[in-house]
Amino acid sequence: MKYLTKNREEILNIISNSKEPVTVKQIKEIVSSDISTIYRAVDFLENREFIHSVTFDNEKYYLHRYFNPVYGL
């Protein structure tokens, strides 16, 4: 897919394979990318509707577009 860089694809895979919504801090623990790169990647993915975000306790959580909290993906 055009513009889906290796970093973005890696972050999308992390979010897609997670059984619960994840934060940028949690993603950072898994990838070697700089935190600002992760923020740009999730912004890109959210703007193109690959993922969604929810805010809870002043923290943004990211989840796959088709995430089902009961059944996972």
Protein backbone atom coordinates (compact mmCIF):
# COMPACT_ATOMS: atom_id res chain seq x y z
CA MET A 1 0.00 0.00 0.00
CA LYS A 2 1.32 3.42 -0.92
CA TYR A 3 2.70 5.46 1.98
CA LEU A 4 2.50 2.61 4.45
CA THR A 5 6.15 2.63 5.53
CA LYS A 6 7.78 -0.19 7.45
CA ASN A 7 7.40 1.79 10.71
CA ARG A 8 3.72 2.47 10.08
CA GLU A 9 3.11 -1.13 9.10
CA GLU A 10 4.87 -2.38 12.23
CA ILE A 11 2.80 -0.05 14.45
CA LEU A 12 -0.40 -1.02 12.66
CA ASN A 13 0.42 -4.70 13.24
CA ILE A 14 1.03 -4.07 16.94
CA ILE A 15 -2.31 -2.29 17.29
CA SER A 16 -4.16 -4.84 15.15
CA ASN A 17 -2.78 -7.84 17.04
CA SER A 18 -3.37 -6.37 20.49
CA LYS A 19 -6.20 -7.85 22.52
CA GLU A 20 -6.84 -4.44 24.10
CA PRO A 21 -6.35 -0.78 23.13
CA VAL A 22 -2.73 0.38 23.43
CA THR A 23 -1.03 3.68 24.19
CA VAL A 24 1.96 5.22 22.45
CA LYS A 25 4.02 4.40 25.56
CA GLN A 26 3.11 0.73 25.22
CA ILE A 27 3.99 0.77 21.53
CA LYS A 28 7.33 2.40 22.37
CA GLU A 29 8.20 -0.54 24.62
CA ILE A 30 7.93 -2.84 21.58
CA VAL A 31 9.46 -0.82 18.73
CA SER A 32 12.79 0.94 18.42
CA SER A 33 11.31 4.03 16.73
CA ASP A 34 11.51 7.46 18.30
CA ILE A 35 8.40 8.52 20.25
CA SER A 36 7.70 11.36 17.80
CA THR A 37 7.80 8.86 14.91
CA ILE A 38 5.23 6.73 16.71
CA TYR A 39 2.95 9.74 17.27
CA ARG A 40 3.21 10.67 13.57
CA ALA A 41 2.49 7.07 12.56
CA VAL A 42 -0.63 6.71 14.72
CA ASP A 43 -1.82 10.11 13.50
CA PHE A 44 -1.34 8.97 9.89
CA LEU A 45 -3.12 5.65 10.54
CA GLU A 46 -5.99 7.31 12.38
CA ASN A 47 -6.50 9.96 9.68
CA ARG A 48 -6.77 7.20 7.08
CA GLU A 49 -9.15 5.22 9.31
CA PHE A 50 -6.93 2.17 9.79
CA ILE A 51 -7.24 2.70 13.55
CA HIS A 52 -9.38 4.62 16.03
CA SER A 53 -8.53 6.26 19.31
CA VAL A 54 -10.30 6.79 22.59
CA THR A 55 -9.26 9.00 25.46
CA PHE A 56 -9.50 7.71 29.00
CA ASP A 57 -7.98 9.34 32.08
CA ASN A 58 -6.18 11.91 29.90
CA GLU A 59 -4.44 9.18 27.90
CA LYS A 60 -5.12 8.27 24.30
CA TYR A 61 -5.59 4.59 23.48
CA TYR A 62 -5.42 3.22 19.95
CA LEU A 63 -7.32 0.25 18.61
CA HIS A 64 -7.87 -1.43 15.27
CA ARG A 65 -10.80 -0.13 13.29
CA TYR A 66 -12.68 -3.42 13.71
CA PHE A 67 -11.72 -4.07 17.33
CA ASN A 68 -14.42 -5.80 19.37
CA PRO A 69 -13.74 -5.53 23.13
CA VAL A 70 -15.59 -8.78 23.80
CA TYR A 71 -14.19 -10.96 21.04
CA GLY A 72 -11.00 -9.14 20.02
CA LEU A 73 -10.66 -8.78 16.26
